[in-house]
Amino acid sequence: NGQGLYFFENLSIQSDVPSSGNGIYVSNKANVSIDGYYISTVHSGISIYAYGSSISLSLHNGVINPLSNSQNAIYAYNIDTLDVENFSYTYSGYQYQNPI
């Protein structure tokens, strides 16, 4: 959250503890680039959540493997740009939400 440029490489977020919340949260005037990511959680929130003004989000070479059937993979609302390349989403059970 906040004005700035943020770059992450080979980011891994994993949790088998049930909770609410999001894996990654981006908001308000942030320029975020993630190259290489793996997110696998039981959270009932969203794996990658982006919301707010003046946001640029770049997601490359990522895998999202939710362990909860109520988890969205990517939620992007009211942002300036979203660039997704080489994205993989896997979930073997019934899914309440859409991946993106």
N, C-alpha and C. Protein backbone atom coordinates (compact mmCIF):
# COMPACT_ATOMS: atom_id res chain seq x y z
N ASN A 1 0.86 -1.18 0.00
CA ASN A 1 0.00 0.00 0.00
C ASN A 1 0.89 1.23 0.00
N GLY A 2 0.69 2.07 -0.95
CA GLY A 2 1.44 3.32 -0.97
C GLY A 2 2.22 3.50 -2.25
N GLN A 3 2.62 4.71 -2.49
CA GLN A 3 3.31 5.07 -3.71
C GLN A 3 4.68 4.43 -3.74
N GLY A 4 5.00 3.80 -4.86
CA GLY A 4 6.32 3.21 -4.99
C GLY A 4 6.34 2.08 -5.99
N LEU A 5 7.56 1.62 -6.27
CA LEU A 5 7.80 0.52 -7.19
C LEU A 5 8.27 -0.67 -6.36
N TYR A 6 7.61 -1.82 -6.53
CA TYR A 6 7.93 -3.01 -5.76
C TYR A 6 8.15 -4.17 -6.72
N PHE A 7 9.26 -4.89 -6.57
CA PHE A 7 9.58 -6.02 -7.43
C PHE A 7 9.88 -7.24 -6.56
N PHE A 8 9.24 -8.36 -6.89
CA PHE A 8 9.47 -9.61 -6.18
C PHE A 8 9.82 -10.68 -7.20
N GLU A 9 10.76 -11.55 -6.84
CA GLU A 9 11.16 -12.64 -7.71
C GLU A 9 11.14 -13.94 -6.92
N ASN A 10 10.56 -14.98 -7.53
CA ASN A 10 10.47 -16.30 -6.90
C ASN A 10 9.83 -16.22 -5.51
N LEU A 11 8.66 -15.65 -5.47
CA LEU A 11 7.90 -15.46 -4.24
C LEU A 11 7.04 -16.69 -3.96
N SER A 12 7.10 -17.20 -2.73
CA SER A 12 6.31 -18.37 -2.34
C SER A 12 5.53 -18.05 -1.08
N ILE A 13 4.20 -18.27 -1.16
CA ILE A 13 3.32 -18.08 -0.01
C ILE A 13 2.56 -19.38 0.17
N GLN A 14 2.78 -20.04 1.32
CA GLN A 14 2.15 -21.33 1.57
C GLN A 14 1.65 -21.38 3.01
N SER A 15 0.45 -21.93 3.17
CA SER A 15 -0.11 -22.09 4.50
C SER A 15 -1.19 -23.16 4.47
N ASP A 16 -1.17 -24.05 5.44
CA ASP A 16 -2.23 -25.05 5.54
C ASP A 16 -3.10 -24.78 6.77
N VAL A 17 -3.00 -23.56 7.30
CA VAL A 17 -3.80 -23.16 8.46
C VAL A 17 -5.02 -22.39 7.97
N PRO A 18 -6.24 -22.90 8.22
CA PRO A 18 -7.44 -22.19 7.77
C PRO A 18 -7.55 -20.80 8.43
N SER A 19 -7.79 -19.81 7.61
CA SER A 19 -7.97 -18.44 8.10
C SER A 19 -8.62 -17.61 7.01
N SER A 20 -8.96 -16.39 7.35
CA SER A 20 -9.44 -15.47 6.32
C SER A 20 -8.27 -14.56 5.95
N GLY A 21 -8.38 -13.90 4.83
CA GLY A 21 -7.32 -13.00 4.41
C GLY A 21 -6.88 -13.29 3.00
N ASN A 22 -5.90 -12.55 2.55
CA ASN A 22 -5.40 -12.65 1.19
C ASN A 22 -3.92 -13.02 1.20
N GLY A 23 -3.48 -13.67 0.13
CA GLY A 23 -2.06 -13.99 0.02
C GLY A 23 -1.23 -12.74 -0.25
N ILE A 24 -1.62 -11.97 -1.26
CA ILE A 24 -0.95 -10.72 -1.64
C ILE A 24 -2.01 -9.65 -1.78
N TYR A 25 -1.79 -8.51 -1.17
CA TYR A 25 -2.73 -7.39 -1.24
C TYR A 25 -2.00 -6.16 -1.76
N VAL A 26 -2.50 -5.60 -2.87
CA VAL A 26 -1.89 -4.42 -3.49
C VAL A 26 -2.93 -3.33 -3.55
N SER A 27 -2.58 -2.12 -3.08
CA SER A 27 -3.54 -1.01 -3.14
C SER A 27 -2.85 0.34 -3.25
N ASN A 28 -3.58 1.30 -3.79
CA ASN A 28 -3.25 2.72 -3.80
C ASN A 28 -1.84 3.11 -4.25
N LYS A 29 -1.76 3.45 -5.53
CA LYS A 29 -0.56 4.06 -6.11
C LYS A 29 0.68 3.17 -6.07
N ALA A 30 0.48 1.87 -6.17
CA ALA A 30 1.61 0.95 -6.15
C ALA A 30 1.85 0.39 -7.55
N ASN A 31 3.11 0.28 -7.91
CA ASN A 31 3.52 -0.37 -9.15
C ASN A 31 4.24 -1.65 -8.74
N VAL A 32 3.58 -2.80 -8.93
CA VAL A 32 4.09 -4.06 -8.41
C VAL A 32 4.34 -5.03 -9.56
N SER A 33 5.52 -5.65 -9.52
CA SER A 33 5.89 -6.67 -10.49
C SER A 33 6.36 -7.92 -9.74
N ILE A 34 5.77 -9.06 -10.09
CA ILE A 34 6.15 -10.33 -9.47
C ILE A 34 6.50 -11.30 -10.58
N ASP A 35 7.74 -11.78 -10.58
CA ASP A 35 8.20 -12.73 -11.59
C ASP A 35 8.57 -14.03 -10.88
N GLY A 36 7.74 -15.03 -11.07
CA GLY A 36 7.93 -16.31 -10.42
C GLY A 36 7.26 -16.32 -9.07
N TYR A 37 6.08 -16.91 -8.99
CA TYR A 37 5.37 -16.97 -7.71
C TYR A 37 4.60 -18.27 -7.59
N TYR A 38 4.47 -18.72 -6.33
CA TYR A 38 3.70 -19.92 -6.01
C TYR A 38 2.87 -19.58 -4.78
N ILE A 39 1.55 -19.70 -4.89
CA ILE A 39 0.67 -19.41 -3.77
C ILE A 39 -0.22 -20.63 -3.54
N SER A 40 -0.16 -21.15 -2.34
CA SER A 40 -0.97 -22.31 -1.98
C SER A 40 -1.39 -22.15 -0.52
N THR A 41 -2.64 -21.75 -0.31
CA THR A 41 -3.12 -21.51 1.05
C THR A 41 -4.53 -22.05 1.23
N VAL A 42 -4.95 -22.12 2.48
CA VAL A 42 -6.30 -22.54 2.84
C VAL A 42 -7.15 -21.30 3.11
N HIS A 43 -6.59 -20.12 2.93
CA HIS A 43 -7.31 -18.88 3.21
C HIS A 43 -8.63 -18.82 2.46
N SER A 44 -9.63 -18.22 3.10
CA SER A 44 -10.92 -18.05 2.44
C SER A 44 -10.97 -16.74 1.66
N GLY A 45 -9.90 -16.04 1.62
CA GLY A 45 -9.83 -14.77 0.88
C GLY A 45 -9.40 -14.99 -0.55
N ILE A 46 -8.54 -14.13 -1.04
CA ILE A 46 -8.12 -14.13 -2.44
C ILE A 46 -6.61 -14.28 -2.49
N SER A 47 -6.10 -15.08 -3.42
CA SER A 47 -4.66 -15.29 -3.52
C SER A 47 -3.93 -13.98 -3.83
N ILE A 48 -4.38 -13.27 -4.86
CA ILE A 48 -3.80 -11.97 -5.20
C ILE A 48 -4.94 -10.97 -5.35
N TYR A 49 -4.96 -9.96 -4.50
CA TYR A 49 -6.03 -8.97 -4.44
C TYR A 49 -5.45 -7.60 -4.77
N ALA A 50 -5.96 -6.96 -5.81
CA ALA A 50 -5.50 -5.62 -6.19
C ALA A 50 -6.71 -4.70 -6.32
N TYR A 51 -6.69 -3.62 -5.55
CA TYR A 51 -7.81 -2.70 -5.56
C TYR A 51 -7.33 -1.29 -5.21
N GLY A 52 -7.75 -0.33 -5.99
CA GLY A 52 -7.43 1.06 -5.68
C GLY A 52 -7.00 1.84 -6.90
N SER A 53 -6.69 3.09 -6.67
CA SER A 53 -6.34 3.97 -7.78
C SER A 53 -4.84 3.92 -8.08
N SER A 54 -4.52 4.18 -9.34
CA SER A 54 -3.14 4.27 -9.81
C SER A 54 -2.31 3.03 -9.49
N ILE A 55 -2.85 1.87 -9.81
CA ILE A 55 -2.13 0.61 -9.58
C ILE A 55 -1.76 -0.03 -10.91
N SER A 56 -0.52 -0.47 -10.99
CA SER A 56 -0.04 -1.26 -12.11
C SER A 56 0.47 -2.58 -11.54
N LEU A 57 -0.06 -3.69 -12.04
CA LEU A 57 0.30 -5.00 -11.50
C LEU A 57 0.75 -5.92 -12.64
N SER A 58 1.94 -6.47 -12.50
CA SER A 58 2.49 -7.38 -13.49
C SER A 58 2.79 -8.71 -12.82
N LEU A 59 2.18 -9.78 -13.33
CA LEU A 59 2.34 -11.11 -12.76
C LEU A 59 2.85 -12.07 -13.83
N HIS A 60 4.07 -12.57 -13.67
CA HIS A 60 4.67 -13.45 -14.67
C HIS A 60 5.11 -14.76 -14.03
N ASN A 61 4.90 -15.85 -14.75
CA ASN A 61 5.40 -17.17 -14.36
C ASN A 61 4.92 -17.60 -12.98
N GLY A 62 3.60 -17.67 -12.84
CA GLY A 62 3.04 -17.98 -11.53
C GLY A 62 2.15 -19.21 -11.49
N VAL A 63 2.08 -19.80 -10.32
CA VAL A 63 1.20 -20.93 -10.05
C VAL A 63 0.40 -20.61 -8.81
N ILE A 64 -0.92 -20.76 -8.93
CA ILE A 64 -1.80 -20.64 -7.77
C ILE A 64 -2.52 -21.97 -7.60
N ASN A 65 -2.34 -22.55 -6.43
CA ASN A 65 -2.91 -23.85 -6.11
C ASN A 65 -3.69 -23.71 -4.80
N PRO A 66 -4.94 -23.23 -4.86
CA PRO A 66 -5.69 -23.03 -3.63
C PRO A 66 -6.06 -24.35 -2.96
N LEU A 67 -6.05 -24.31 -1.65
CA LEU A 67 -6.44 -25.48 -0.86
C LEU A 67 -7.83 -25.29 -0.28
N SER A 68 -8.52 -24.24 -0.71
CA SER A 68 -9.86 -23.92 -0.24
C SER A 68 -10.77 -23.75 -1.45
N ASN A 69 -11.99 -24.23 -1.34
CA ASN A 69 -12.91 -24.13 -2.48
C ASN A 69 -13.59 -22.78 -2.57
N SER A 70 -13.28 -21.85 -1.67
CA SER A 70 -13.92 -20.53 -1.73
C SER A 70 -12.90 -19.43 -2.02
N GLN A 71 -11.77 -19.79 -2.55
CA GLN A 71 -10.70 -18.82 -2.77
C GLN A 71 -10.58 -18.45 -4.25
N ASN A 72 -10.67 -17.15 -4.55
CA ASN A 72 -10.38 -16.66 -5.89
C ASN A 72 -8.88 -16.62 -6.09
N ALA A 73 -8.43 -16.80 -7.32
CA ALA A 73 -7.00 -16.71 -7.60
C ALA A 73 -6.57 -15.25 -7.68
N ILE A 74 -7.16 -14.50 -8.61
CA ILE A 74 -6.79 -13.09 -8.80
C ILE A 74 -8.04 -12.24 -8.84
N TYR A 75 -8.06 -11.20 -8.03
CA TYR A 75 -9.15 -10.23 -8.05
C TYR A 75 -8.53 -8.86 -8.28
N ALA A 76 -8.84 -8.25 -9.41
CA ALA A 76 -8.32 -6.92 -9.74
C ALA A 76 -9.50 -6.02 -10.07
N TYR A 77 -9.62 -4.93 -9.32
CA TYR A 77 -10.76 -4.02 -9.49
C TYR A 77 -10.28 -2.58 -9.46
N ASN A 78 -10.72 -1.81 -10.45
CA ASN A 78 -10.46 -0.37 -10.50
C ASN A 78 -8.97 -0.05 -10.52
N ILE A 79 -8.18 -0.89 -11.22
CA ILE A 79 -6.75 -0.62 -11.32
C ILE A 79 -6.43 -0.17 -12.74
N ASP A 80 -5.27 0.44 -12.92
CA ASP A 80 -4.89 0.97 -14.23
C ASP A 80 -4.48 -0.12 -15.21
N THR A 81 -3.55 -0.98 -14.81
CA THR A 81 -3.09 -2.04 -15.71
C THR A 81 -2.88 -3.35 -14.97
N LEU A 82 -3.15 -4.44 -15.69
CA LEU A 82 -2.90 -5.79 -15.19
C LEU A 82 -2.29 -6.59 -16.33
N ASP A 83 -1.10 -7.11 -16.10
CA ASP A 83 -0.39 -7.90 -17.10
C ASP A 83 -0.11 -9.28 -16.49
N VAL A 84 -0.69 -10.33 -17.09
CA VAL A 84 -0.51 -11.69 -16.58
C VAL A 84 0.05 -12.54 -17.71
N GLU A 85 1.18 -13.22 -17.43
CA GLU A 85 1.80 -14.12 -18.40
C GLU A 85 2.17 -15.43 -17.72
N ASN A 86 2.01 -16.53 -18.43
CA ASN A 86 2.38 -17.86 -17.93
C ASN A 86 1.78 -18.13 -16.56
N PHE A 87 0.46 -18.12 -16.52
CA PHE A 87 -0.29 -18.29 -15.29
C PHE A 87 -0.91 -19.68 -15.25
N SER A 88 -0.75 -20.37 -14.13
CA SER A 88 -1.34 -21.69 -13.96
C SER A 88 -2.17 -21.70 -12.69
N TYR A 89 -3.39 -22.23 -12.82
CA TYR A 89 -4.31 -22.33 -11.68
C TYR A 89 -4.80 -23.75 -11.60
N THR A 90 -4.64 -24.37 -10.45
CA THR A 90 -5.11 -25.74 -10.29
C THR A 90 -5.94 -25.87 -9.02
N TYR A 91 -7.06 -26.54 -9.16
CA TYR A 91 -7.89 -26.91 -8.01
C TYR A 91 -8.74 -28.09 -8.45
N SER A 92 -8.68 -29.16 -7.69
CA SER A 92 -9.34 -30.39 -8.15
C SER A 92 -10.77 -30.56 -7.67
N GLY A 93 -11.19 -29.79 -6.67
CA GLY A 93 -12.55 -29.93 -6.14
C GLY A 93 -13.51 -28.94 -6.75
N TYR A 94 -14.70 -28.85 -6.18
CA TYR A 94 -15.70 -27.90 -6.64
C TYR A 94 -15.25 -26.49 -6.29
N GLN A 95 -15.34 -25.60 -7.24
CA GLN A 95 -14.88 -24.22 -7.05
C GLN A 95 -16.07 -23.28 -7.01
N TYR A 96 -16.23 -22.51 -5.91
CA TYR A 96 -17.32 -21.54 -5.79
C TYR A 96 -17.07 -20.29 -6.63
N GLN A 97 -15.82 -19.93 -6.81
CA GLN A 97 -15.47 -18.69 -7.49
C GLN A 97 -14.70 -18.98 -8.77
N ASN A 98 -14.55 -17.95 -9.59
CA ASN A 98 -13.76 -18.06 -10.80
C ASN A 98 -12.29 -17.75 -10.50
N PRO A 99 -11.39 -18.34 -11.27
CA PRO A 99 -9.96 -18.07 -11.03
C PRO A 99 -9.60 -16.58 -11.13
N ILE A 100 -10.11 -15.91 -12.16
CA ILE A 100 -9.78 -14.48 -12.32
C ILE A 100 -11.06 -13.68 -12.46
